All heavy atoms as atom14 arrays in JSON, in Angstrom:
{
  "sequence": "IPAGAKAGGNYLSGQLIAREARRLGFGEGIALASTGLLSEGAGENL",
  "atom14_mask": [
    [1, 1, 1, 1, 1, 1, 1, 1, 0, 0, 0, 0, 0, 0],
    [1, 1, 1, 1, 1, 1, 1, 0, 0, 0, 0, 0, 0, 0],
    [1, 1, 1, 1, 1, 0, 0, 0, 0, 0, 0, 0, 0, 0],
    [1, 1, 1, 1, 0, 0, 0, 0, 0, 0, 0, 0, 0, 0],
    [1, 1, 1, 1, 1, 0, 0, 0, 0, 0, 0, 0, 0, 0],
    [1, 1, 1, 1, 1, 1, 1, 1, 1, 0, 0, 0, 0, 0],
    [1, 1, 1, 1, 1, 0, 0, 0, 0, 0, 0, 0, 0, 0],
    [1, 1, 1, 1, 0, 0, 0, 0, 0, 0, 0, 0, 0, 0],
    [1, 1, 1, 1, 0, 0, 0, 0, 0, 0, 0, 0, 0, 0],
    [1, 1, 1, 1, 1, 1, 1, 1, 0, 0, 0, 0, 0, 0],
    [1, 1, 1, 1, 1, 1, 1, 1, 1, 1, 1, 1, 0, 0],
    [1, 1, 1, 1, 1, 1, 1, 1, 0, 0, 0, 0, 0, 0],
    [1, 1, 1, 1, 1, 1, 0, 0, 0, 0, 0, 0, 0, 0],
    [1, 1, 1, 1, 0, 0, 0, 0, 0, 0, 0, 0, 0, 0],
    [1, 1, 1, 1, 1, 1, 1, 1, 1, 0, 0, 0, 0, 0],
    [1, 1, 1, 1, 1, 1, 1, 1, 0, 0, 0, 0, 0, 0],
    [1, 1, 1, 1, 1, 1, 1, 1, 0, 0, 0, 0, 0, 0],
    [1, 1, 1, 1, 1, 0, 0, 0, 0, 0, 0, 0, 0, 0],
    [1, 1, 1, 1, 1, 1, 1, 1, 1, 1, 1, 0, 0, 0],
    [1, 1, 1, 1, 1, 1, 1, 1, 1, 0, 0, 0, 0, 0],
    [1, 1, 1, 1, 1, 0, 0, 0, 0, 0, 0, 0, 0, 0],
    [1, 1, 1, 1, 1, 1, 1, 1, 1, 1, 1, 0, 0, 0],
    [1, 1, 1, 1, 1, 1, 1, 1, 1, 1, 1, 0, 0, 0],
    [1, 1, 1, 1, 1, 1, 1, 1, 0, 0, 0, 0, 0, 0],
    [1, 1, 1, 1, 0, 0, 0, 0, 0, 0, 0, 0, 0, 0],
    [1, 1, 1, 1, 1, 1, 1, 1, 1, 1, 1, 0, 0, 0],
    [1, 1, 1, 1, 0, 0, 0, 0, 0, 0, 0, 0, 0, 0],
    [1, 1, 1, 1, 1, 1, 1, 1, 1, 0, 0, 0, 0, 0],
    [1, 1, 1, 1, 0, 0, 0, 0, 0, 0, 0, 0, 0, 0],
    [1, 1, 1, 1, 1, 1, 1, 1, 0, 0, 0, 0, 0, 0],
    [1, 1, 1, 1, 1, 0, 0, 0, 0, 0, 0, 0, 0, 0],
    [1, 1, 1, 1, 1, 1, 1, 1, 0, 0, 0, 0, 0, 0],
    [1, 1, 1, 1, 1, 0, 0, 0, 0, 0, 0, 0, 0, 0],
    [1, 1, 1, 1, 1, 1, 0, 0, 0, 0, 0, 0, 0, 0],
    [1, 1, 1, 1, 1, 1, 1, 0, 0, 0, 0, 0, 0, 0],
    [1, 1, 1, 1, 0, 0, 0, 0, 0, 0, 0, 0, 0, 0],
    [1, 1, 1, 1, 1, 1, 1, 1, 0, 0, 0, 0, 0, 0],
    [1, 1, 1, 1, 1, 1, 1, 1, 0, 0, 0, 0, 0, 0],
    [1, 1, 1, 1, 1, 1, 0, 0, 0, 0, 0, 0, 0, 0],
    [1, 1, 1, 1, 1, 1, 1, 1, 1, 0, 0, 0, 0, 0],
    [1, 1, 1, 1, 0, 0, 0, 0, 0, 0, 0, 0, 0, 0],
    [1, 1, 1, 1, 1, 0, 0, 0, 0, 0, 0, 0, 0, 0],
    [1, 1, 1, 1, 0, 0, 0, 0, 0, 0, 0, 0, 0, 0],
    [1, 1, 1, 1, 1, 1, 1, 1, 1, 0, 0, 0, 0, 0],
    [1, 1, 1, 1, 1, 1, 1, 1, 0, 0, 0, 0, 0, 0],
    [1, 1, 1, 1, 1, 1, 1, 1, 0, 0, 0, 0, 0, 0]
  ],
  "atom14_positions": [
    [[-151.4, 42.31, 22.52], [-150.57, 42.4, 21.32], [-149.39, 43.31, 21.66], [-149.58, 44.37, 22.25], [-151.37, 42.98, 20.14], [-152.52, 42.05, 19.76], [-150.47, 43.22, 18.93], [-153.41, 42.59, 18.67], [0.0, 0.0, 0.0], [0.0, 0.0, 0.0], [0.0, 0.0, 0.0], [0.0, 0.0, 0.0], [0.0, 0.0, 0.0], [0.0, 0.0, 0.0]],
    [[-148.17, 42.94, 21.31], [-147.01, 43.77, 21.66], [-146.94, 45.04, 20.83], [-146.62, 45.01, 19.64], [-145.81, 42.85, 21.39], [-146.31, 41.84, 20.41], [-147.76, 41.65, 20.69], [0.0, 0.0, 0.0], [0.0, 0.0, 0.0], [0.0, 0.0, 0.0], [0.0, 0.0, 0.0], [0.0, 0.0, 0.0], [0.0, 0.0, 0.0], [0.0, 0.0, 0.0]],
    [[-147.25, 46.17, 21.46], [-147.22, 47.45, 20.75], [-145.8, 47.84, 20.37], [-145.59, 48.64, 19.46], [-147.84, 48.54, 21.62], [0.0, 0.0, 0.0], [0.0, 0.0, 0.0], [0.0, 0.0, 0.0], [0.0, 0.0, 0.0], [0.0, 0.0, 0.0], [0.0, 0.0, 0.0], [0.0, 0.0, 0.0], [0.0, 0.0, 0.0], [0.0, 0.0, 0.0]],
    [[-144.82, 47.28, 21.05], [-143.42, 47.61, 20.78], [-142.89, 46.99, 19.51], [-141.77, 47.32, 19.1], [0.0, 0.0, 0.0], [0.0, 0.0, 0.0], [0.0, 0.0, 0.0], [0.0, 0.0, 0.0], [0.0, 0.0, 0.0], [0.0, 0.0, 0.0], [0.0, 0.0, 0.0], [0.0, 0.0, 0.0], [0.0, 0.0, 0.0], [0.0, 0.0, 0.0]],
    [[-143.64, 46.09, 18.88], [-143.25, 45.51, 17.59], [-143.96, 46.27, 16.48], [-145.15, 46.57, 16.58], [-143.6, 44.03, 17.53], [0.0, 0.0, 0.0], [0.0, 0.0, 0.0], [0.0, 0.0, 0.0], [0.0, 0.0, 0.0], [0.0, 0.0, 0.0], [0.0, 0.0, 0.0], [0.0, 0.0, 0.0], [0.0, 0.0, 0.0], [0.0, 0.0, 0.0]],
    [[-143.24, 46.55, 15.41], [-143.86, 47.2, 14.25], [-144.33, 46.08, 13.32], [-143.67, 45.73, 12.33], [-142.87, 48.14, 13.56], [-143.53, 49.08, 12.56], [-142.53, 50.11, 12.06], [-143.14, 51.01, 11.0], [-144.19, 51.91, 11.53], [0.0, 0.0, 0.0], [0.0, 0.0, 0.0], [0.0, 0.0, 0.0], [0.0, 0.0, 0.0], [0.0, 0.0, 0.0]],
    [[-145.46, 45.5, 13.68], [-146.0, 44.34, 12.99], [-147.23, 44.72, 12.19], [-148.01, 45.61, 12.59], [-146.36, 43.24, 13.99], [0.0, 0.0, 0.0], [0.0, 0.0, 0.0], [0.0, 0.0, 0.0], [0.0, 0.0, 0.0], [0.0, 0.0, 0.0], [0.0, 0.0, 0.0], [0.0, 0.0, 0.0], [0.0, 0.0, 0.0], [0.0, 0.0, 0.0]],
    [[-147.41, 44.05, 11.05], [-148.53, 44.37, 10.17], [-149.87, 44.3, 10.87], [-150.72, 45.18, 10.69], [0.0, 0.0, 0.0], [0.0, 0.0, 0.0], [0.0, 0.0, 0.0], [0.0, 0.0, 0.0], [0.0, 0.0, 0.0], [0.0, 0.0, 0.0], [0.0, 0.0, 0.0], [0.0, 0.0, 0.0], [0.0, 0.0, 0.0], [0.0, 0.0, 0.0]],
    [[-150.09, 43.26, 11.67], [-151.37, 43.08, 12.35], [-151.73, 44.21, 13.29], [-152.92, 44.5, 13.5], [0.0, 0.0, 0.0], [0.0, 0.0, 0.0], [0.0, 0.0, 0.0], [0.0, 0.0, 0.0], [0.0, 0.0, 0.0], [0.0, 0.0, 0.0], [0.0, 0.0, 0.0], [0.0, 0.0, 0.0], [0.0, 0.0, 0.0], [0.0, 0.0, 0.0]],
    [[-150.72, 44.89, 13.85], [-150.99, 46.01, 14.75], [-151.74, 47.13, 14.05], [-152.48, 47.89, 14.68], [-149.68, 46.58, 15.31], [-149.01, 45.66, 16.3], [-149.35, 44.48, 16.38], [-148.04, 46.18, 17.03], [0.0, 0.0, 0.0], [0.0, 0.0, 0.0], [0.0, 0.0, 0.0], [0.0, 0.0, 0.0], [0.0, 0.0, 0.0], [0.0, 0.0, 0.0]],
    [[-151.54, 47.24, 12.76], [-152.08, 48.38, 12.03], [-153.54, 48.21, 11.64], [-154.14, 49.12, 11.05], [-151.18, 48.7, 10.83], [-149.91, 49.37, 11.32], [-148.88, 48.61, 11.87], [-149.78, 50.75, 11.32], [-147.74, 49.21, 12.37], [-148.65, 51.36, 11.83], [-147.63, 50.59, 12.35], [-146.5, 51.19, 12.88], [0.0, 0.0, 0.0], [0.0, 0.0, 0.0]],
    [[-154.14, 47.08, 11.99], [-155.6, 46.99, 11.9], [-156.23, 48.01, 12.84], [-157.23, 48.65, 12.52], [-156.06, 45.57, 12.25], [-155.75, 44.5, 11.2], [-156.06, 43.12, 11.77], [-156.56, 44.75, 9.93], [0.0, 0.0, 0.0], [0.0, 0.0, 0.0], [0.0, 0.0, 0.0], [0.0, 0.0, 0.0], [0.0, 0.0, 0.0], [0.0, 0.0, 0.0]],
    [[-155.63, 48.17, 14.02], [-156.09, 49.19, 14.97], [-155.94, 50.58, 14.37], [-156.87, 51.4, 14.4], [-155.28, 49.08, 16.27], [-155.51, 50.19, 17.12], [0.0, 0.0, 0.0], [0.0, 0.0, 0.0], [0.0, 0.0, 0.0], [0.0, 0.0, 0.0], [0.0, 0.0, 0.0], [0.0, 0.0, 0.0], [0.0, 0.0, 0.0], [0.0, 0.0, 0.0]],
    [[-154.78, 50.85, 13.77], [-154.54, 52.15, 13.17], [-155.49, 52.45, 12.02], [-155.92, 53.6, 11.83], [0.0, 0.0, 0.0], [0.0, 0.0, 0.0], [0.0, 0.0, 0.0], [0.0, 0.0, 0.0], [0.0, 0.0, 0.0], [0.0, 0.0, 0.0], [0.0, 0.0, 0.0], [0.0, 0.0, 0.0], [0.0, 0.0, 0.0], [0.0, 0.0, 0.0]],
    [[-155.86, 51.41, 11.24], [-156.8, 51.62, 10.15], [-158.16, 52.08, 10.66], [-158.77, 52.99, 10.1], [-156.97, 50.32, 9.35], [-155.76, 49.93, 8.51], [-155.98, 48.61, 7.81], [-156.98, 48.42, 7.13], [-155.05, 47.69, 7.99], [0.0, 0.0, 0.0], [0.0, 0.0, 0.0], [0.0, 0.0, 0.0], [0.0, 0.0, 0.0], [0.0, 0.0, 0.0]],
    [[-158.63, 51.46, 11.73], [-159.92, 51.85, 12.3], [-159.89, 53.3, 12.77], [-160.83, 54.06, 12.55], [-160.28, 50.93, 13.46], [-160.6, 49.47, 13.1], [-160.7, 48.62, 14.36], [-161.89, 49.38, 12.29], [0.0, 0.0, 0.0], [0.0, 0.0, 0.0], [0.0, 0.0, 0.0], [0.0, 0.0, 0.0], [0.0, 0.0, 0.0], [0.0, 0.0, 0.0]],
    [[-158.8, 53.67, 13.41], [-158.66, 55.03, 13.95], [-158.59, 56.05, 12.82], [-159.28, 57.08, 12.84], [-157.41, 55.1, 14.85], [-157.58, 54.22, 16.09], [-157.1, 56.55, 15.24], [-156.28, 53.89, 16.8], [0.0, 0.0, 0.0], [0.0, 0.0, 0.0], [0.0, 0.0, 0.0], [0.0, 0.0, 0.0], [0.0, 0.0, 0.0], [0.0, 0.0, 0.0]],
    [[-157.77, 55.76, 11.81], [-157.59, 56.7, 10.7], [-158.85, 56.83, 9.86], [-159.26, 57.94, 9.48], [-156.41, 56.27, 9.83], [0.0, 0.0, 0.0], [0.0, 0.0, 0.0], [0.0, 0.0, 0.0], [0.0, 0.0, 0.0], [0.0, 0.0, 0.0], [0.0, 0.0, 0.0], [0.0, 0.0, 0.0], [0.0, 0.0, 0.0], [0.0, 0.0, 0.0]],
    [[-159.49, 55.7, 9.56], [-160.67, 55.76, 8.69], [-161.86, 56.43, 9.4], [-162.64, 57.14, 8.77], [-161.03, 54.34, 8.22], [-160.0, 53.76, 7.27], [-160.38, 52.35, 6.81], [-161.52, 52.41, 5.91], [-161.43, 52.62, 4.6], [-160.26, 52.8, 4.03], [-162.51, 52.63, 3.84], [0.0, 0.0, 0.0], [0.0, 0.0, 0.0], [0.0, 0.0, 0.0]],
    [[-161.98, 56.22, 10.71], [-163.03, 56.92, 11.45], [-162.79, 58.42, 11.4], [-163.73, 59.21, 11.18], [-163.05, 56.45, 12.91], [-164.09, 57.17, 13.75], [-164.03, 56.77, 15.22], [-162.93, 56.83, 15.81], [-165.08, 56.39, 15.77], [0.0, 0.0, 0.0], [0.0, 0.0, 0.0], [0.0, 0.0, 0.0], [0.0, 0.0, 0.0], [0.0, 0.0, 0.0]],
    [[-161.54, 58.84, 11.59], [-161.22, 60.27, 11.56], [-161.55, 60.88, 10.2], [-162.18, 61.95, 10.12], [-159.75, 60.49, 11.9], [0.0, 0.0, 0.0], [0.0, 0.0, 0.0], [0.0, 0.0, 0.0], [0.0, 0.0, 0.0], [0.0, 0.0, 0.0], [0.0, 0.0, 0.0], [0.0, 0.0, 0.0], [0.0, 0.0, 0.0], [0.0, 0.0, 0.0]],
    [[-161.16, 60.2, 9.13], [-161.43, 60.73, 7.79], [-162.94, 60.8, 7.54], [-163.42, 61.75, 6.95], [-160.78, 59.85, 6.71], [-159.29, 59.62, 6.85], [-158.44, 60.87, 6.73], [-157.03, 60.52, 6.57], [-156.19, 60.22, 7.55], [-156.62, 60.24, 8.8], [-154.94, 59.93, 7.29], [0.0, 0.0, 0.0], [0.0, 0.0, 0.0], [0.0, 0.0, 0.0]],
    [[-163.65, 59.78, 7.99], [-165.11, 59.74, 7.78], [-165.79, 60.91, 8.47], [-166.8, 61.45, 7.99], [-165.67, 58.42, 8.3], [-167.15, 58.21, 7.99], [-167.62, 56.83, 8.42], [-167.67, 56.67, 9.86], [-166.83, 55.9, 10.57], [-165.87, 55.21, 9.97], [-166.94, 55.82, 11.88], [0.0, 0.0, 0.0], [0.0, 0.0, 0.0], [0.0, 0.0, 0.0]],
    [[-165.24, 61.34, 9.59], [-165.82, 62.44, 10.36], [-165.28, 63.8, 9.94], [-165.64, 64.82, 10.53], [-165.56, 62.2, 11.86], [-166.21, 60.95, 12.45], [-165.78, 60.75, 13.9], [-167.73, 61.03, 12.35], [0.0, 0.0, 0.0], [0.0, 0.0, 0.0], [0.0, 0.0, 0.0], [0.0, 0.0, 0.0], [0.0, 0.0, 0.0], [0.0, 0.0, 0.0]],
    [[-164.39, 63.8, 8.94], [-163.89, 65.06, 8.42], [-162.64, 65.59, 9.08], [-162.29, 66.77, 8.89], [0.0, 0.0, 0.0], [0.0, 0.0, 0.0], [0.0, 0.0, 0.0], [0.0, 0.0, 0.0], [0.0, 0.0, 0.0], [0.0, 0.0, 0.0], [0.0, 0.0, 0.0], [0.0, 0.0, 0.0], [0.0, 0.0, 0.0], [0.0, 0.0, 0.0]],
    [[-161.94, 64.75, 9.84], [-160.7, 65.16, 10.5], [-159.48, 64.67, 9.72], [-159.56, 63.71, 8.95], [-160.65, 64.62, 11.93], [-161.69, 65.2, 12.84], [-162.89, 64.55, 13.05], [-161.48, 66.41, 13.48], [-163.86, 65.07, 13.88], [-162.45, 66.96, 14.32], [-163.64, 66.29, 14.51], [0.0, 0.0, 0.0], [0.0, 0.0, 0.0], [0.0, 0.0, 0.0]],
    [[-158.36, 65.32, 9.97], [-157.13, 64.93, 9.3], [-156.51, 63.67, 9.84], [-155.85, 62.92, 9.1], [0.0, 0.0, 0.0], [0.0, 0.0, 0.0], [0.0, 0.0, 0.0], [0.0, 0.0, 0.0], [0.0, 0.0, 0.0], [0.0, 0.0, 0.0], [0.0, 0.0, 0.0], [0.0, 0.0, 0.0], [0.0, 0.0, 0.0], [0.0, 0.0, 0.0]],
    [[-156.7, 63.4, 11.13], [-156.14, 62.2, 11.76], [-156.83, 61.94, 13.08], [-157.45, 62.85, 13.67], [-154.63, 62.37, 11.98], [-153.9, 61.11, 12.42], [-154.01, 59.93, 11.48], [-155.16, 59.44, 11.29], [-152.99, 59.5, 10.92], [0.0, 0.0, 0.0], [0.0, 0.0, 0.0], [0.0, 0.0, 0.0], [0.0, 0.0, 0.0], [0.0, 0.0, 0.0]],
    [[-156.74, 60.69, 13.53], [-157.32, 60.31, 14.81], [-156.26, 60.12, 15.87], [-155.1, 59.82, 15.58], [0.0, 0.0, 0.0], [0.0, 0.0, 0.0], [0.0, 0.0, 0.0], [0.0, 0.0, 0.0], [0.0, 0.0, 0.0], [0.0, 0.0, 0.0], [0.0, 0.0, 0.0], [0.0, 0.0, 0.0], [0.0, 0.0, 0.0], [0.0, 0.0, 0.0]],
    [[-156.66, 60.31, 17.12], [-155.8, 60.11, 18.29], [-156.43, 59.01, 19.12], [-157.64, 59.03, 19.39], [-155.68, 61.39, 19.12], [-154.97, 62.48, 18.31], [-154.95, 61.13, 20.43], [-154.99, 63.85, 18.98], [0.0, 0.0, 0.0], [0.0, 0.0, 0.0], [0.0, 0.0, 0.0], [0.0, 0.0, 0.0], [0.0, 0.0, 0.0], [0.0, 0.0, 0.0]],
    [[-155.61, 58.04, 19.52], [-156.12, 56.9, 20.28], [-155.78, 57.02, 21.76], [-154.72, 57.53, 22.13], [-155.55, 55.6, 19.73], [0.0, 0.0, 0.0], [0.0, 0.0, 0.0], [0.0, 0.0, 0.0], [0.0, 0.0, 0.0], [0.0, 0.0, 0.0], [0.0, 0.0, 0.0], [0.0, 0.0, 0.0], [0.0, 0.0, 0.0], [0.0, 0.0, 0.0]],
    [[-156.69, 56.54, 22.59], [-156.41, 56.37, 24.01], [-155.93, 54.93, 24.24], [-156.28, 54.01, 23.5], [-157.67, 56.63, 24.83], [-158.34, 57.99, 24.66], [-159.57, 58.08, 25.57], [-157.38, 59.13, 24.93], [0.0, 0.0, 0.0], [0.0, 0.0, 0.0], [0.0, 0.0, 0.0], [0.0, 0.0, 0.0], [0.0, 0.0, 0.0], [0.0, 0.0, 0.0]],
    [[-155.15, 54.75, 25.28], [-154.77, 53.41, 25.71], [-155.95, 52.76, 26.42], [-156.97, 53.41, 26.69], [-153.55, 53.49, 26.62], [0.0, 0.0, 0.0], [0.0, 0.0, 0.0], [0.0, 0.0, 0.0], [0.0, 0.0, 0.0], [0.0, 0.0, 0.0], [0.0, 0.0, 0.0], [0.0, 0.0, 0.0], [0.0, 0.0, 0.0], [0.0, 0.0, 0.0]],
    [[-155.83, 51.5, 26.77], [-156.91, 50.8, 27.47], [-157.17, 51.39, 28.85], [-158.23, 51.18, 29.44], [-156.57, 49.31, 27.6], [-155.37, 49.14, 28.35], [0.0, 0.0, 0.0], [0.0, 0.0, 0.0], [0.0, 0.0, 0.0], [0.0, 0.0, 0.0], [0.0, 0.0, 0.0], [0.0, 0.0, 0.0], [0.0, 0.0, 0.0], [0.0, 0.0, 0.0]],
    [[-156.21, 52.18, 29.35], [-156.35, 52.87, 30.64], [-157.21, 54.13, 30.53], [-157.56, 54.73, 31.54], [-154.97, 53.28, 31.15], [-154.35, 54.12, 30.16], [-154.09, 52.06, 31.4], [0.0, 0.0, 0.0], [0.0, 0.0, 0.0], [0.0, 0.0, 0.0], [0.0, 0.0, 0.0], [0.0, 0.0, 0.0], [0.0, 0.0, 0.0], [0.0, 0.0, 0.0]],
    [[-157.5, 54.56, 29.3], [-158.19, 55.82, 29.09], [-157.26, 57.01, 28.99], [-157.72, 58.14, 28.79], [0.0, 0.0, 0.0], [0.0, 0.0, 0.0], [0.0, 0.0, 0.0], [0.0, 0.0, 0.0], [0.0, 0.0, 0.0], [0.0, 0.0, 0.0], [0.0, 0.0, 0.0], [0.0, 0.0, 0.0], [0.0, 0.0, 0.0], [0.0, 0.0, 0.0]],
    [[-155.96, 56.78, 29.11], [-154.96, 57.84, 28.98], [-154.48, 57.9, 27.53], [-154.68, 56.98, 26.73], [-153.79, 57.57, 29.92], [-154.15, 57.5, 31.41], [-152.97, 57.0, 32.23], [-154.61, 58.87, 31.91], [0.0, 0.0, 0.0], [0.0, 0.0, 0.0], [0.0, 0.0, 0.0], [0.0, 0.0, 0.0], [0.0, 0.0, 0.0], [0.0, 0.0, 0.0]],
    [[-153.81, 58.99, 27.17], [-153.37, 59.18, 25.8], [-152.37, 58.11, 25.39], [-151.49, 57.72, 26.18], [-152.73, 60.56, 25.63], [-153.66, 61.77, 25.64], [-152.86, 63.04, 25.38], [-154.75, 61.62, 24.6], [0.0, 0.0, 0.0], [0.0, 0.0, 0.0], [0.0, 0.0, 0.0], [0.0, 0.0, 0.0], [0.0, 0.0, 0.0], [0.0, 0.0, 0.0]],
    [[-152.49, 57.66, 24.14], [-151.55, 56.7, 23.59], [-150.8, 57.35, 22.42], [-149.74, 57.92, 22.6], [-152.28, 55.42, 23.14], [-151.37, 54.5, 22.57], [0.0, 0.0, 0.0], [0.0, 0.0, 0.0], [0.0, 0.0, 0.0], [0.0, 0.0, 0.0], [0.0, 0.0, 0.0], [0.0, 0.0, 0.0], [0.0, 0.0, 0.0], [0.0, 0.0, 0.0]],
    [[-151.36, 57.28, 21.21], [-150.7, 57.8, 20.03], [-151.73, 58.04, 18.94], [-152.92, 57.77, 19.12], [-149.63, 56.82, 19.54], [-150.18, 55.45, 19.18], [-149.11, 54.45, 18.76], [-147.94, 54.85, 18.61], [-149.45, 53.27, 18.59], [0.0, 0.0, 0.0], [0.0, 0.0, 0.0], [0.0, 0.0, 0.0], [0.0, 0.0, 0.0], [0.0, 0.0, 0.0]],
    [[-151.28, 58.54, 17.78], [-152.16, 58.67, 16.64], [-152.34, 57.34, 15.94], [-151.82, 56.31, 16.38], [0.0, 0.0, 0.0], [0.0, 0.0, 0.0], [0.0, 0.0, 0.0], [0.0, 0.0, 0.0], [0.0, 0.0, 0.0], [0.0, 0.0, 0.0], [0.0, 0.0, 0.0], [0.0, 0.0, 0.0], [0.0, 0.0, 0.0], [0.0, 0.0, 0.0]],
    [[-153.04, 57.37, 14.82], [-153.26, 56.14, 14.06], [-151.94, 55.5, 13.66], [-151.81, 54.27, 13.67], [-154.11, 56.43, 12.83], [0.0, 0.0, 0.0], [0.0, 0.0, 0.0], [0.0, 0.0, 0.0], [0.0, 0.0, 0.0], [0.0, 0.0, 0.0], [0.0, 0.0, 0.0], [0.0, 0.0, 0.0], [0.0, 0.0, 0.0], [0.0, 0.0, 0.0]],
    [[-150.97, 56.32, 13.3], [-149.66, 55.8, 12.95], [-148.56, 56.77, 13.29], [-147.51, 56.78, 12.65], [0.0, 0.0, 0.0], [0.0, 0.0, 0.0], [0.0, 0.0, 0.0], [0.0, 0.0, 0.0], [0.0, 0.0, 0.0], [0.0, 0.0, 0.0], [0.0, 0.0, 0.0], [0.0, 0.0, 0.0], [0.0, 0.0, 0.0], [0.0, 0.0, 0.0]],
    [[-148.79, 57.61, 14.3], [-147.83, 58.65, 14.68], [-147.74, 58.75, 16.2], [-148.7, 58.47, 16.9], [-148.28, 60.02, 14.14], [-148.65, 60.06, 12.67], [-150.12, 59.73, 12.43], [-150.88, 59.56, 13.43], [-150.51, 59.62, 11.25], [0.0, 0.0, 0.0], [0.0, 0.0, 0.0], [0.0, 0.0, 0.0], [0.0, 0.0, 0.0], [0.0, 0.0, 0.0]],
    [[-146.59, 59.18, 16.67], [-146.46, 59.49, 18.09], [-146.94, 60.91, 18.36], [-147.11, 61.72, 17.46], [-145.0, 59.34, 18.54], [-144.55, 57.9, 18.59], [-143.52, 57.55, 18.04], [-145.31, 57.04, 19.26], [0.0, 0.0, 0.0], [0.0, 0.0, 0.0], [0.0, 0.0, 0.0], [0.0, 0.0, 0.0], [0.0, 0.0, 0.0], [0.0, 0.0, 0.0]],
    [[-147.15, 61.2, 19.63], [-147.85, 62.41, 20.04], [-147.01, 63.19, 21.05], [-146.41, 62.61, 21.96], [-149.18, 62.0, 20.68], [-150.27, 63.03, 20.92], [-150.76, 63.6, 19.59], [-151.43, 62.37, 21.67], [0.0, 0.0, 0.0], [0.0, 0.0, 0.0], [0.0, 0.0, 0.0], [0.0, 0.0, 0.0], [0.0, 0.0, 0.0], [0.0, 0.0, 0.0]]
  ]
}
């Protein structure tokens, strides 16, 4: 999926990240890329 497009479907990933963080009591989640290296937050850059 092209991460460089700000497309609605991309934010299904962000929803999973954000909702998991809230469920665990955190303010926001941070995602890794498929490489295991840092990517971005649920909807924010890092």
